[in-house]
Amino acid sequence: MNSWMRLVMSGLVAAALNVTTFAQAPAAGNPQKAGERLERRGKADQRKGERLEKKGEAQKKAGDRLEAQGKVRAGEKLERKGERNERRGEHLEKKGTRLEKRGEKLENKSENTGQNK
């Protein structure tokens, strides 16, 4: 039992020593890089949104074809899935545009503060 207590106590001591490092605030990053990162994320979201919209349209068409073949339930399910993908794609495109604008603002802000110094 003594060795178990020693093991538990050493774990508690190690955890107590690490708590101070966890409590530290992260170092301030470069706002220029953050802006560029936001812009890239925004562009990627826009591209993904466009792909999802195209996928949704294709699913709708496939659903129509299935319904024409007499597979009504499968066709309707595919159409609903296509509509959902289209809406998700539109949402991602809007989100991407917002992120891009935010990134540009952040970059401009960091450039302006850099010029004022």
PDB file of N, CA and C in Angstrom:
ATOM      1  N   MET A   1       0.823  -1.196   0.000  1.00  0.00           N
ATOM      2  CA  MET A   1       0.000   0.000   0.000  1.00  0.00           C
ATOM      3  C   MET A   1       0.865   1.256   0.000  1.00  0.00           C
ATOM      4  N   ASN A   2       2.016   1.171   0.609  1.00  0.00           N
ATOM      5  CA  ASN A   2       2.896   2.320   0.706  1.00  0.00           C
ATOM      6  C   ASN A   2       3.360   2.772  -0.681  1.00  0.00           C
ATOM      7  N   SER A   3       3.663   1.823  -1.564  1.00  0.00           N
ATOM      8  CA  SER A   3       4.118   2.200  -2.905  1.00  0.00           C
ATOM      9  C   SER A   3       2.979   2.834  -3.710  1.00  0.00           C
ATOM     10  N   TRP A   4       1.737   2.382  -3.481  1.00  0.00           N
ATOM     11  CA  TRP A   4       0.598   2.984  -4.165  1.00  0.00           C
ATOM     12  C   TRP A   4       0.403   4.426  -3.714  1.00  0.00           C
ATOM     13  N   MET A   5       0.546   4.665  -2.419  1.00  0.00           N
ATOM     14  CA  MET A   5       0.394   6.034  -1.896  1.00  0.00           C
ATOM     15  C   MET A   5       1.463   6.948  -2.488  1.00  0.00           C
ATOM     16  N   ARG A   6       2.685   6.406  -2.597  1.00  0.00           N
ATOM     17  CA  ARG A   6       3.781   7.197  -3.158  1.00  0.00           C
ATOM     18  C   ARG A   6       3.464   7.545  -4.618  1.00  0.00           C
ATOM     19  N   LEU A   7       2.923   6.590  -5.358  1.00  0.00           N
ATOM     20  CA  LEU A   7       2.569   6.814  -6.752  1.00  0.00           C
ATOM     21  C   LEU A   7       1.483   7.888  -6.884  1.00  0.00           C
ATOM     22  N   VAL A   8       0.468   7.792  -6.046  1.00  0.00           N
ATOM     23  CA  VAL A   8      -0.615   8.776  -6.086  1.00  0.00           C
ATOM     24  C   VAL A   8      -0.100  10.154  -5.715  1.00  0.00           C
ATOM     25  N   MET A   9       0.709  10.219  -4.683  1.00  0.00           N
ATOM     26  CA  MET A   9       1.244  11.517  -4.243  1.00  0.00           C
ATOM     27  C   MET A   9       2.139  12.138  -5.325  1.00  0.00           C
ATOM     28  N   SER A  10       2.946  11.316  -5.981  1.00  0.00           N
ATOM     29  CA  SER A  10       3.826  11.864  -7.024  1.00  0.00           C
ATOM     30  C   SER A  10       2.984  12.399  -8.185  1.00  0.00           C
ATOM     31  N   GLY A  11       1.874  11.723  -8.477  1.00  0.00           N
ATOM     32  CA  GLY A  11       0.976  12.213  -9.526  1.00  0.00           C
ATOM     33  C   GLY A  11       0.350  13.538  -9.148  1.00  0.00           C
ATOM     34  N   LEU A  12      -0.072  13.671  -7.894  1.00  0.00           N
ATOM     35  CA  LEU A  12      -0.662  14.933  -7.440  1.00  0.00           C
ATOM     36  C   LEU A  12       0.352  16.066  -7.472  1.00  0.00           C
ATOM     37  N   VAL A  13       1.590  15.774  -7.065  1.00  0.00           N
ATOM     38  CA  VAL A  13       2.643  16.798  -7.081  1.00  0.00           C
ATOM     39  C   VAL A  13       2.923  17.231  -8.521  1.00  0.00           C
ATOM     40  N   ALA A  14       3.000  16.272  -9.429  1.00  0.00           N
ATOM     41  CA  ALA A  14       3.258  16.605 -10.833  1.00  0.00           C
ATOM     42  C   ALA A  14       2.130  17.458 -11.393  1.00  0.00           C
ATOM     43  N   ALA A  15       0.892  17.122 -11.059  1.00  0.00           N
ATOM     44  CA  ALA A  15      -0.248  17.900 -11.535  1.00  0.00           C
ATOM     45  C   ALA A  15      -0.221  19.311 -10.967  1.00  0.00           C
ATOM     46  N   ALA A  16       0.134  19.448  -9.712  1.00  0.00           N
ATOM     47  CA  ALA A  16       0.195  20.768  -9.078  1.00  0.00           C
ATOM     48  C   ALA A  16       1.272  21.631  -9.719  1.00  0.00           C
ATOM     49  N   LEU A  17       2.386  21.032 -10.093  1.00  0.00           N
ATOM     50  CA  LEU A  17       3.459  21.796 -10.731  1.00  0.00           C
ATOM     51  C   LEU A  17       3.072  22.246 -12.135  1.00  0.00           C
ATOM     52  N   ASN A  18       2.255  21.462 -12.828  1.00  0.00           N
ATOM     53  CA  ASN A  18       1.860  21.804 -14.192  1.00  0.00           C
ATOM     54  C   ASN A  18       0.718  22.796 -14.252  1.00  0.00           C
ATOM     55  N   VAL A  19      -0.008  22.977 -13.172  1.00  0.00           N
ATOM     56  CA  VAL A  19      -1.153  23.884 -13.171  1.00  0.00           C
ATOM     57  C   VAL A  19      -0.709  25.307 -13.506  1.00  0.00           C
ATOM     58  N   THR A  20       0.452  25.714 -13.036  1.00  0.00           N
ATOM     59  CA  THR A  20       0.913  27.082 -13.305  1.00  0.00           C
ATOM     60  C   THR A  20       1.167  27.295 -14.787  1.00  0.00           C
ATOM     61  N   THR A  21       1.659  26.269 -15.492  1.00  0.00           N
ATOM     62  CA  THR A  21       1.911  26.443 -16.925  1.00  0.00           C
ATOM     63  C   THR A  21       0.610  26.493 -17.708  1.00  0.00           C
ATOM     64  N   PHE A  22      -0.417  25.793 -17.247  1.00  0.00           N
ATOM     65  CA  PHE A  22      -1.706  25.825 -17.939  1.00  0.00           C
ATOM     66  C   PHE A  22      -2.395  27.168 -17.752  1.00  0.00           C
ATOM     67  N   ALA A  23      -2.147  27.826 -16.647  1.00  0.00           N
ATOM     68  CA  ALA A  23      -2.842  29.064 -16.329  1.00  0.00           C
ATOM     69  C   ALA A  23      -2.299  30.254 -17.116  1.00  0.00           C
ATOM     70  N   GLN A  24      -1.148  30.119 -17.736  1.00  0.00           N
ATOM     71  CA  GLN A  24      -0.564  31.240 -18.460  1.00  0.00           C
ATOM     72  C   GLN A  24      -1.363  31.543 -19.720  1.00  0.00           C
ATOM     73  N   ALA A  25      -1.475  32.826 -20.009  1.00  0.00           N
ATOM     74  CA  ALA A  25      -2.174  33.254 -21.217  1.00  0.00           C
ATOM     75  C   ALA A  25      -1.290  32.956 -22.430  1.00  0.00           C
ATOM     76  N   PRO A  26      -1.890  32.586 -23.550  1.00  0.00           N
ATOM     77  CA  PRO A  26      -1.083  32.333 -24.743  1.00  0.00           C
ATOM     78  C   PRO A  26      -0.447  33.622 -25.251  1.00  0.00           C
ATOM     79  N   ALA A  27       0.693  33.468 -25.863  1.00  0.00           N
ATOM     80  CA  ALA A  27       1.398  34.632 -26.395  1.00  0.00           C
ATOM     81  C   ALA A  27       0.570  35.257 -27.516  1.00  0.00           C
ATOM     82  N   ALA A  28       0.629  36.573 -27.601  1.00  0.00           N
ATOM     83  CA  ALA A  28      -0.134  37.280 -28.633  1.00  0.00           C
ATOM     84  C   ALA A  28       0.456  36.947 -29.998  1.00  0.00           C
ATOM     85  N   GLY A  29      -0.401  36.527 -30.915  1.00  0.00           N
ATOM     86  CA  GLY A  29       0.051  36.168 -32.253  1.00  0.00           C
ATOM     87  C   GLY A  29       0.114  37.391 -33.150  1.00  0.00           C
ATOM     88  N   ASN A  30       0.625  37.193 -34.309  1.00  0.00           N
ATOM     89  CA  ASN A  30       0.722  38.263 -35.286  1.00  0.00           C
ATOM     90  C   ASN A  30      -0.653  38.457 -35.928  1.00  0.00           C
ATOM     91  N   PRO A  31      -1.250  39.648 -35.774  1.00  0.00           N
ATOM     92  CA  PRO A  31      -2.591  39.856 -36.353  1.00  0.00           C
ATOM     93  C   PRO A  31      -2.591  39.755 -37.878  1.00  0.00           C
ATOM     94  N   GLN A  32      -1.468  40.053 -38.504  1.00  0.00           N
ATOM     95  CA  GLN A  32      -1.369  39.943 -39.964  1.00  0.00           C
ATOM     96  C   GLN A  32      -1.584  38.495 -40.382  1.00  0.00           C
ATOM     97  N   LYS A  33      -0.890  37.583 -39.661  1.00  0.00           N
ATOM     98  CA  LYS A  33      -1.027  36.161 -39.983  1.00  0.00           C
ATOM     99  C   LYS A  33      -2.446  35.675 -39.701  1.00  0.00           C
ATOM    100  N   ALA A  34      -3.027  36.166 -38.620  1.00  0.00           N
ATOM    101  CA  ALA A  34      -4.388  35.768 -38.272  1.00  0.00           C
ATOM    102  C   ALA A  34      -5.360  36.204 -39.365  1.00  0.00           C
ATOM    103  N   GLY A  35      -5.160  37.407 -39.884  1.00  0.00           N
ATOM    104  CA  GLY A  35      -6.012  37.893 -40.961  1.00  0.00           C
ATOM    105  C   GLY A  35      -5.885  37.052 -42.210  1.00  0.00           C
ATOM    106  N   GLU A  36      -4.637  36.707 -42.549  1.00  0.00           N
ATOM    107  CA  GLU A  36      -4.419  35.869 -43.726  1.00  0.00           C
ATOM    108  C   GLU A  36      -5.044  34.494 -43.531  1.00  0.00           C
ATOM    109  N   ARG A  37      -4.936  33.971 -42.313  1.00  0.00           N
ATOM    110  CA  ARG A  37      -5.508  32.657 -42.023  1.00  0.00           C
ATOM    111  C   ARG A  37      -7.026  32.696 -42.177  1.00  0.00           C
ATOM    112  N   LEU A  38      -7.644  33.777 -41.670  1.00  0.00           N
ATOM    113  CA  LEU A  38      -9.094  33.920 -41.816  1.00  0.00           C
ATOM    114  C   LEU A  38      -9.490  34.012 -43.280  1.00  0.00           C
ATOM    115  N   GLU A  39      -8.715  34.743 -44.051  1.00  0.00           N
ATOM    116  CA  GLU A  39      -9.019  34.863 -45.482  1.00  0.00           C
ATOM    117  C   GLU A  39      -8.949  33.502 -46.175  1.00  0.00           C
ATOM    118  N   ARG A  40      -7.886  32.741 -45.874  1.00  0.00           N
ATOM    119  CA  ARG A  40      -7.748  31.419 -46.492  1.00  0.00           C
ATOM    120  C   ARG A  40      -8.902  30.507 -46.100  1.00  0.00           C
ATOM    121  N   ARG A  41      -9.271  30.553 -44.813  1.00  0.00           N
ATOM    122  CA  ARG A  41     -10.394  29.738 -44.327  1.00  0.00           C
ATOM    123  C   ARG A  41     -11.689  30.135 -45.048  1.00  0.00           C
ATOM    124  N   GLY A  42     -11.854  31.448 -45.246  1.00  0.00           N
ATOM    125  CA  GLY A  42     -13.044  31.931 -45.936  1.00  0.00           C
ATOM    126  C   GLY A  42     -13.110  31.456 -47.375  1.00  0.00           C
ATOM    127  N   LYS A  43     -11.977  31.529 -48.061  1.00  0.00           N
ATOM    128  CA  LYS A  43     -11.949  31.068 -49.452  1.00  0.00           C
ATOM    129  C   LYS A  43     -12.225  29.573 -49.526  1.00  0.00           C
ATOM    130  N   ALA A  44     -11.653  28.820 -48.596  1.00  0.00           N
ATOM    131  CA  ALA A  44     -11.879  27.370 -48.584  1.00  0.00           C
ATOM    132  C   ALA A  44     -13.347  27.066 -48.331  1.00  0.00           C
ATOM    133  N   ASP A  45     -13.967  27.797 -47.411  1.00  0.00           N
ATOM    134  CA  ASP A  45     -15.391  27.581 -47.135  1.00  0.00           C
ATOM    135  C   ASP A  45     -16.241  27.919 -48.354  1.00  0.00           C
ATOM    136  N   GLN A  46     -15.874  28.975 -49.059  1.00  0.00           N
ATOM    137  CA  GLN A  46     -16.623  29.335 -50.264  1.00  0.00           C
ATOM    138  C   GLN A  46     -16.532  28.219 -51.303  1.00  0.00           C
ATOM    139  N   ARG A  47     -15.319  27.701 -51.513  1.00  0.00           N
ATOM    140  CA  ARG A  47     -15.148  26.619 -52.492  1.00  0.00           C
ATOM    141  C   ARG A  47     -15.940  25.383 -52.076  1.00  0.00           C
ATOM    142  N   LYS A  48     -15.887  25.065 -50.786  1.00  0.00           N
ATOM    143  CA  LYS A  48     -16.628  23.903 -50.292  1.00  0.00           C
ATOM    144  C   LYS A  48     -18.130  24.109 -50.476  1.00  0.00           C
ATOM    145  N   GLY A  49     -18.587  25.334 -50.236  1.00  0.00           N
ATOM    146  CA  GLY A  49     -19.999  25.633 -50.425  1.00  0.00           C
ATOM    147  C   GLY A  49     -20.426  25.458 -51.864  1.00  0.00           C
ATOM    148  N   GLU A  50     -19.599  25.921 -52.790  1.00  0.00           N
ATOM    149  CA  GLU A  50     -19.918  25.760 -54.213  1.00  0.00           C
ATOM    150  C   GLU A  50     -19.986  24.275 -54.583  1.00  0.00           C
ATOM    151  N   ARG A  51     -19.030  23.499 -54.061  1.00  0.00           N
ATOM    152  CA  ARG A  51     -19.035  22.059 -54.353  1.00  0.00           C
ATOM    153  C   ARG A  51     -20.297  21.399 -53.810  1.00  0.00           C
ATOM    154  N   LEU A  52     -20.687  21.796 -52.588  1.00  0.00           N
ATOM    155  CA  LEU A  52     -21.884  21.206 -51.984  1.00  0.00           C
ATOM    156  C   LEU A  52     -23.136  21.563 -52.771  1.00  0.00           C
ATOM    157  N   GLU A  53     -23.183  22.799 -53.255  1.00  0.00           N
ATOM    158  CA  GLU A  53     -24.349  23.199 -54.059  1.00  0.00           C
ATOM    159  C   GLU A  53     -24.438  22.354 -55.327  1.00  0.00           C
ATOM    160  N   LYS A  54     -23.308  22.172 -55.997  1.00  0.00           N
ATOM    161  CA  LYS A  54     -23.301  21.353 -57.215  1.00  0.00           C
ATOM    162  C   LYS A  54     -23.710  19.924 -56.902  1.00  0.00           C
ATOM    163  N   LYS A  55     -23.192  19.412 -55.780  1.00  0.00           N
ATOM    164  CA  LYS A  55     -23.539  18.050 -55.373  1.00  0.00           C
ATOM    165  C   LYS A  55     -25.043  17.943 -55.107  1.00  0.00           C
ATOM    166  N   GLY A  56     -25.583  18.971 -54.450  1.00  0.00           N
ATOM    167  CA  GLY A  56     -27.008  18.977 -54.157  1.00  0.00           C
ATOM    168  C   GLY A  56     -27.856  18.974 -55.415  1.00  0.00           C
ATOM    169  N   GLU A  57     -27.443  19.781 -56.396  1.00  0.00           N
ATOM    170  CA  GLU A  57     -28.174  19.811 -57.662  1.00  0.00           C
ATOM    171  C   GLU A  57     -28.132  18.442 -58.346  1.00  0.00           C
ATOM    172  N   ALA A  58     -26.963  17.808 -58.322  1.00  0.00           N
ATOM    173  CA  ALA A  58     -26.836  16.489 -58.949  1.00  0.00           C
ATOM    174  C   ALA A  58     -27.715  15.464 -58.229  1.00  0.00           C
ATOM    175  N   GLN A  59     -27.771  15.574 -56.890  1.00  0.00           N
ATOM    176  CA  GLN A  59     -28.608  14.640 -56.135  1.00  0.00           C
ATOM    177  C   GLN A  59     -30.088  14.839 -56.448  1.00  0.00           C
ATOM    178  N   LYS A  60     -30.474  16.093 -56.623  1.00  0.00           N
ATOM    179  CA  LYS A  60     -31.872  16.364 -56.984  1.00  0.00           C
ATOM    180  C   LYS A  60     -32.212  15.726 -58.326  1.00  0.00           C
ATOM    181  N   LYS A  61     -31.319  15.908 -59.301  1.00  0.00           N
ATOM    182  CA  LYS A  61     -31.557  15.335 -60.630  1.00  0.00           C
ATOM    183  C   LYS A  61     -31.625  13.812 -60.547  1.00  0.00           C
ATOM    184  N   ALA A  62     -30.722  13.218 -59.763  1.00  0.00           N
ATOM    185  CA  ALA A  62     -30.721  11.766 -59.613  1.00  0.00           C
ATOM    186  C   ALA A  62     -32.017  11.308 -58.952  1.00  0.00           C
ATOM    187  N   GLY A  63     -32.510  12.093 -57.999  1.00  0.00           N
ATOM    188  CA  GLY A  63     -33.779  11.769 -57.352  1.00  0.00           C
ATOM    189  C   GLY A  63     -34.935  11.802 -58.335  1.00  0.00           C
ATOM    190  N   ASP A  64     -34.928  12.791 -59.205  1.00  0.00           N
ATOM    191  CA  ASP A  64     -35.968  12.875 -60.242  1.00  0.00           C
ATOM    192  C   ASP A  64     -35.925  11.644 -61.154  1.00  0.00           C
ATOM    193  N   ARG A  65     -34.718  11.230 -61.532  1.00  0.00           N
ATOM    194  CA  ARG A  65     -34.576  10.061 -62.398  1.00  0.00           C
ATOM    195  C   ARG A  65     -35.093   8.803 -61.696  1.00  0.00           C
ATOM    196  N   LEU A  66     -34.779   8.685 -60.393  1.00  0.00           N
ATOM    197  CA  LEU A  66     -35.257   7.519 -59.645  1.00  0.00           C
ATOM    198  C   LEU A  66     -36.782   7.495 -59.577  1.00  0.00           C
ATOM    199  N   GLU A  67     -37.367   8.675 -59.372  1.00  0.00           N
ATOM    200  CA  GLU A  67     -38.827   8.749 -59.333  1.00  0.00           C
ATOM    201  C   GLU A  67     -39.429   8.355 -60.681  1.00  0.00           C
ATOM    202  N   ALA A  68     -38.784   8.771 -61.757  1.00  0.00           N
ATOM    203  CA  ALA A  68     -39.269   8.416 -63.098  1.00  0.00           C
ATOM    204  C   ALA A  68     -39.194   6.916 -63.336  1.00  0.00           C
ATOM    205  N   GLN A  69     -38.239   6.270 -62.680  1.00  0.00           N
ATOM    206  CA  GLN A  69     -38.100   4.817 -62.822  1.00  0.00           C
ATOM    207  C   GLN A  69     -39.099   4.071 -61.941  1.00  0.00           C
ATOM    208  N   GLY A  70     -39.823   4.828 -61.107  1.00  0.00           N
ATOM    209  CA  GLY A  70     -40.817   4.185 -60.248  1.00  0.00           C
ATOM    210  C   GLY A  70     -40.345   3.984 -58.822  1.00  0.00           C
ATOM    211  N   LYS A  71     -39.125   4.393 -58.520  1.00  0.00           N
ATOM    212  CA  LYS A  71     -38.589   4.268 -57.153  1.00  0.00           C
ATOM    213  C   LYS A  71     -38.846   5.578 -56.413  1.00  0.00           C
ATOM    214  N   VAL A  72     -40.110   5.777 -56.053  1.00  0.00           N
ATOM    215  CA  VAL A  72     -40.557   7.066 -55.527  1.00  0.00           C
ATOM    216  C   VAL A  72     -39.889   7.412 -54.203  1.00  0.00           C
ATOM    217  N   ARG A  73     -39.890   6.461 -53.289  1.00  0.00           N
ATOM    218  CA  ARG A  73     -39.380   6.763 -51.950  1.00  0.00           C
ATOM    219  C   ARG A  73     -37.889   7.110 -51.996  1.00  0.00           C
ATOM    220  N   ALA A  74     -37.116   6.324 -52.732  1.00  0.00           N
ATOM    221  CA  ALA A  74     -35.680   6.583 -52.846  1.00  0.00           C
ATOM    222  C   ALA A  74     -35.435   7.920 -53.541  1.00  0.00           C
ATOM    223  N   GLY A  75     -36.247   8.215 -54.545  1.00  0.00           N
ATOM    224  CA  GLY A  75     -36.096   9.481 -55.265  1.00  0.00           C
ATOM    225  C   GLY A  75     -36.368  10.676 -54.376  1.00  0.00           C
ATOM    226  N   GLU A  76     -37.437  10.586 -53.571  1.00  0.00           N
ATOM    227  CA  GLU A  76     -37.768  11.703 -52.676  1.00  0.00           C
ATOM    228  C   GLU A  76     -36.682  11.902 -51.625  1.00  0.00           C
ATOM    229  N   LYS A  77     -36.165  10.775 -51.133  1.00  0.00           N
ATOM    230  CA  LYS A  77     -35.109  10.860 -50.121  1.00  0.00           C
ATOM    231  C   LYS A  77     -33.874  11.550 -50.702  1.00  0.00           C
ATOM    232  N   LEU A  78     -33.516  11.188 -51.912  1.00  0.00           N
ATOM    233  CA  LEU A  78     -32.348  11.780 -52.560  1.00  0.00           C
ATOM    234  C   LEU A  78     -32.588  13.259 -52.855  1.00  0.00           C
ATOM    235  N   GLU A  79     -33.808  13.595 -53.226  1.00  0.00           N
ATOM    236  CA  GLU A  79     -34.125  15.007 -53.475  1.00  0.00           C
ATOM    237  C   GLU A  79     -33.991  15.823 -52.195  1.00  0.00           C
ATOM    238  N   ARG A  80     -34.503  15.294 -51.091  1.00  0.00           N
ATOM    239  CA  ARG A  80     -34.395  16.014 -49.806  1.00  0.00           C
ATOM    240  C   ARG A  80     -32.930  16.197 -49.412  1.00  0.00           C
ATOM    241  N   LYS A  81     -32.160  15.148 -49.640  1.00  0.00           N
ATOM    242  CA  LYS A  81     -30.739  15.217 -49.330  1.00  0.00           C
ATOM    243  C   LYS A  81     -30.063  16.289 -50.200  1.00  0.00           C
ATOM    244  N   GLY A  82     -30.458  16.345 -51.455  1.00  0.00           N
ATOM    245  CA  GLY A  82     -29.902  17.351 -52.361  1.00  0.00           C
ATOM    246  C   GLY A  82     -30.252  18.759 -51.933  1.00  0.00           C
ATOM    247  N   GLU A  83     -31.508  18.948 -51.524  1.00  0.00           N
ATOM    248  CA  GLU A  83     -31.928  20.272 -51.066  1.00  0.00           C
ATOM    249  C   GLU A  83     -31.142  20.690 -49.817  1.00  0.00           C
ATOM    250  N   ARG A  84     -30.960  19.726 -48.921  1.00  0.00           N
ATOM    251  CA  ARG A  84     -30.217  20.021 -47.695  1.00  0.00           C
ATOM    252  C   ARG A  84     -28.768  20.404 -48.022  1.00  0.00           C
ATOM    253  N   ASN A  85     -28.156  19.686 -48.956  1.00  0.00           N
ATOM    254  CA  ASN A  85     -26.784  19.995 -49.350  1.00  0.00           C
ATOM    255  C   ASN A  85     -26.702  21.369 -50.013  1.00  0.00           C
ATOM    256  N   GLU A  86     -27.705  21.705 -50.807  1.00  0.00           N
ATOM    257  CA  GLU A  86     -27.701  23.026 -51.441  1.00  0.00           C
ATOM    258  C   GLU A  86     -27.763  24.134 -50.396  1.00  0.00           C
ATOM    259  N   ARG A  87     -28.674  23.966 -49.426  1.00  0.00           N
ATOM    260  CA  ARG A  87     -28.790  24.986 -48.371  1.00  0.00           C
ATOM    261  C   ARG A  87     -27.497  25.092 -47.576  1.00  0.00           C
ATOM    262  N   ARG A  88     -26.903  23.938 -47.277  1.00  0.00           N
ATOM    263  CA  ARG A  88     -25.640  23.941 -46.535  1.00  0.00           C
ATOM    264  C   ARG A  88     -24.539  24.632 -47.339  1.00  0.00           C
ATOM    265  N   GLY A  89     -24.544  24.403 -48.647  1.00  0.00           N
ATOM    266  CA  GLY A  89     -23.559  25.038 -49.509  1.00  0.00           C
ATOM    267  C   GLY A  89     -23.724  26.546 -49.535  1.00  0.00           C
ATOM    268  N   GLU A  90     -24.970  27.002 -49.626  1.00  0.00           N
ATOM    269  CA  GLU A  90     -25.221  28.447 -49.615  1.00  0.00           C
ATOM    270  C   GLU A  90     -24.746  29.058 -48.298  1.00  0.00           C
ATOM    271  N   HIS A  91     -25.057  28.360 -47.205  1.00  0.00           N
ATOM    272  CA  HIS A  91     -24.647  28.849 -45.887  1.00  0.00           C
ATOM    273  C   HIS A  91     -23.120  28.935 -45.797  1.00  0.00           C
ATOM    274  N   LEU A  92     -22.422  27.906 -46.300  1.00  0.00           N
ATOM    275  CA  LEU A  92     -20.959  27.916 -46.245  1.00  0.00           C
ATOM    276  C   LEU A  92     -20.381  29.037 -47.097  1.00  0.00           C
ATOM    277  N   GLU A  93     -21.000  29.306 -48.226  1.00  0.00           N
ATOM    278  CA  GLU A  93     -20.506  30.403 -49.064  1.00  0.00           C
ATOM    279  C   GLU A  93     -20.626  31.735 -48.328  1.00  0.00           C
ATOM    280  N   LYS A  94     -21.778  31.951 -47.682  1.00  0.00           N
ATOM    281  CA  LYS A  94     -21.966  33.192 -46.925  1.00  0.00           C
ATOM    282  C   LYS A  94     -20.953  33.292 -45.799  1.00  0.00           C
ATOM    283  N   LYS A  95     -20.746  32.159 -45.111  1.00  0.00           N
ATOM    284  CA  LYS A  95     -19.792  32.130 -44.003  1.00  0.00           C
ATOM    285  C   LYS A  95     -18.389  32.442 -44.518  1.00  0.00           C
ATOM    286  N   GLY A  96     -18.044  31.871 -45.667  1.00  0.00           N
ATOM    287  CA  GLY A  96     -16.727  32.114 -46.251  1.00  0.00           C
ATOM    288  C   GLY A  96     -16.528  33.580 -46.595  1.00  0.00           C
ATOM    289  N   THR A  97     -17.567  34.212 -47.132  1.00  0.00           N
ATOM    290  CA  THR A  97     -17.481  35.637 -47.464  1.00  0.00           C
ATOM    291  C   THR A  97     -17.265  36.460 -46.200  1.00  0.00           C
ATOM    292  N   ARG A  98     -18.021  36.124 -45.160  1.00  0.00           N
ATOM    293  CA  ARG A  98     -17.868  36.858 -43.884  1.00  0.00           C
ATOM    294  C   ARG A  98     -16.466  36.702 -43.326  1.00  0.00           C
ATOM    295  N   LEU A  99     -15.942  35.471 -43.353  1.00  0.00           N
ATOM    296  CA  LEU A  99     -14.600  35.232 -42.820  1.00  0.00           C
ATOM    297  C   LEU A  99     -13.548  35.986 -43.615  1.00  0.00           C
ATOM    298  N   GLU A 100     -13.726  36.004 -44.928  1.00  0.00           N
ATOM    299  CA  GLU A 100     -12.762  36.726 -45.766  1.00  0.00           C
ATOM    300  C   GLU A 100     -12.747  38.210 -45.425  1.00  0.00           C
ATOM    301  N   LYS A 101     -13.946  38.786 -45.287  1.00  0.00           N
ATOM    302  CA  LYS A 101     -14.036  40.211 -44.948  1.00  0.00           C
ATOM    303  C   LYS A 101     -13.397  40.483 -43.599  1.00  0.00           C
ATOM    304  N   ARG A 102     -13.664  39.583 -42.627  1.00  0.00           N
ATOM    305  CA  ARG A 102     -13.083  39.768 -41.298  1.00  0.00           C
ATOM    306  C   ARG A 102     -11.560  39.713 -41.355  1.00  0.00           C
ATOM    307  N   GLY A 103     -11.044  38.775 -42.162  1.00  0.00           N
ATOM    308  CA  GLY A 103      -9.598  38.653 -42.321  1.00  0.00           C
ATOM    309  C   GLY A 103      -8.988  39.896 -42.934  1.00  0.00           C
ATOM    310  N   GLU A 104      -9.655  40.447 -43.951  1.00  0.00           N
ATOM    311  CA  GLU A 104      -9.153  41.671 -44.585  1.00  0.00           C
ATOM    312  C   GLU A 104      -9.159  42.826 -43.598  1.00  0.00           C
ATOM    313  N   LYS A 105     -10.240  42.942 -42.805  1.00  0.00           N
ATOM    314  CA  LYS A 105     -10.303  44.011 -41.813  1.00  0.00           C
ATOM    315  C   LYS A 105      -9.172  43.883 -40.805  1.00  0.00           C
ATOM    316  N   LEU A 106      -8.921  42.651 -40.356  1.00  0.00           N
ATOM    317  CA  LEU A 106      -7.871  42.418 -39.374  1.00  0.00           C
ATOM    318  C   LEU A 106      -6.508  42.773 -39.948  1.00  0.00           C
ATOM    319  N   GLU A 107      -6.294  42.403 -41.199  1.00  0.00           N
ATOM    320  CA  GLU A 107      -5.020  42.742 -41.847  1.00  0.00           C
ATOM    321  C   GLU A 107      -4.861  44.253 -41.963  1.00  0.00           C
ATOM    322  N   ASN A 108      -5.920  44.930 -42.432  1.00  0.00           N
ATOM    323  CA  ASN A 108      -5.856  46.384 -42.584  1.00  0.00           C
ATOM    324  C   ASN A 108      -5.614  47.057 -41.245  1.00  0.00           C
ATOM    325  N   LYS A 109      -6.278  46.569 -40.224  1.00  0.00           N
ATOM    326  CA  LYS A 109      -6.121  47.134 -38.891  1.00  0.00           C
ATOM    327  C   LYS A 109      -4.681  46.987 -38.412  1.00  0.00           C
ATOM    328  N   SER A 110      -4.096  45.813 -38.633  1.00  0.00           N
ATOM    329  CA  SER A 110      -2.712  45.592 -38.189  1.00  0.00           C
ATOM    330  C   SER A 110      -1.734  46.427 -39.007  1.00  0.00           C
ATOM    331  N   GLU A 111      -2.038  46.629 -40.299  1.00  0.00           N
ATOM    332  CA  GLU A 111      -1.168  47.477 -41.123  1.00  0.00           C
ATOM    333  C   GLU A 111      -1.226  48.920 -40.653  1.00  0.00           C
ATOM    334  N   ASN A 112      -2.435  49.399 -40.353  1.00  0.00           N
ATOM    335  CA  ASN A 112      -2.591  50.770 -39.902  1.00  0.00           C
ATOM    336  C   ASN A 112      -1.908  51.010 -38.577  1.00  0.00           C
ATOM    337  N   THR A 113      -2.009  50.077 -37.644  1.00  0.00           N
ATOM    338  CA  THR A 113      -1.348  50.260 -36.346  1.00  0.00           C
ATOM    339  C   THR A 113       0.160  50.161 -36.513  1.00  0.00           C
ATOM    340  N   GLY A 114       0.616  49.373 -37.480  1.00  0.00           N
ATOM    341  CA  GLY A 114       2.042  49.287 -37.752  1.00  0.00           C
ATOM    342  C   GLY A 114       2.592  50.572 -38.326  1.00  0.00           C
ATOM    343  N   GLN A 115       1.787  51.311 -39.099  1.00  0.00           N
ATOM    344  CA  GLN A 115       2.229  52.572 -39.677  1.00  0.00           C
ATOM    345  C   GLN A 115       2.246  53.673 -38.636  1.00  0.00           C
ATOM    346  N   ASN A 116       1.359  53.594 -37.659  1.00  0.00           N
ATOM    347  CA  ASN A 116       1.281  54.630 -36.641  1.00  0.00           C
ATOM    348  C   ASN A 116       2.447  54.593 -35.673  1.00  0.00           C
ATOM    349  N   LYS A 117       3.156  53.494 -35.576  1.00  0.00           N
ATOM    350  CA  LYS A 117       4.242  53.367 -34.601  1.00  0.00           C
ATOM    351  C   LYS A 117       5.453  54.127 -35.001  1.00  0.00           C
TER     352      LYS A 117
END
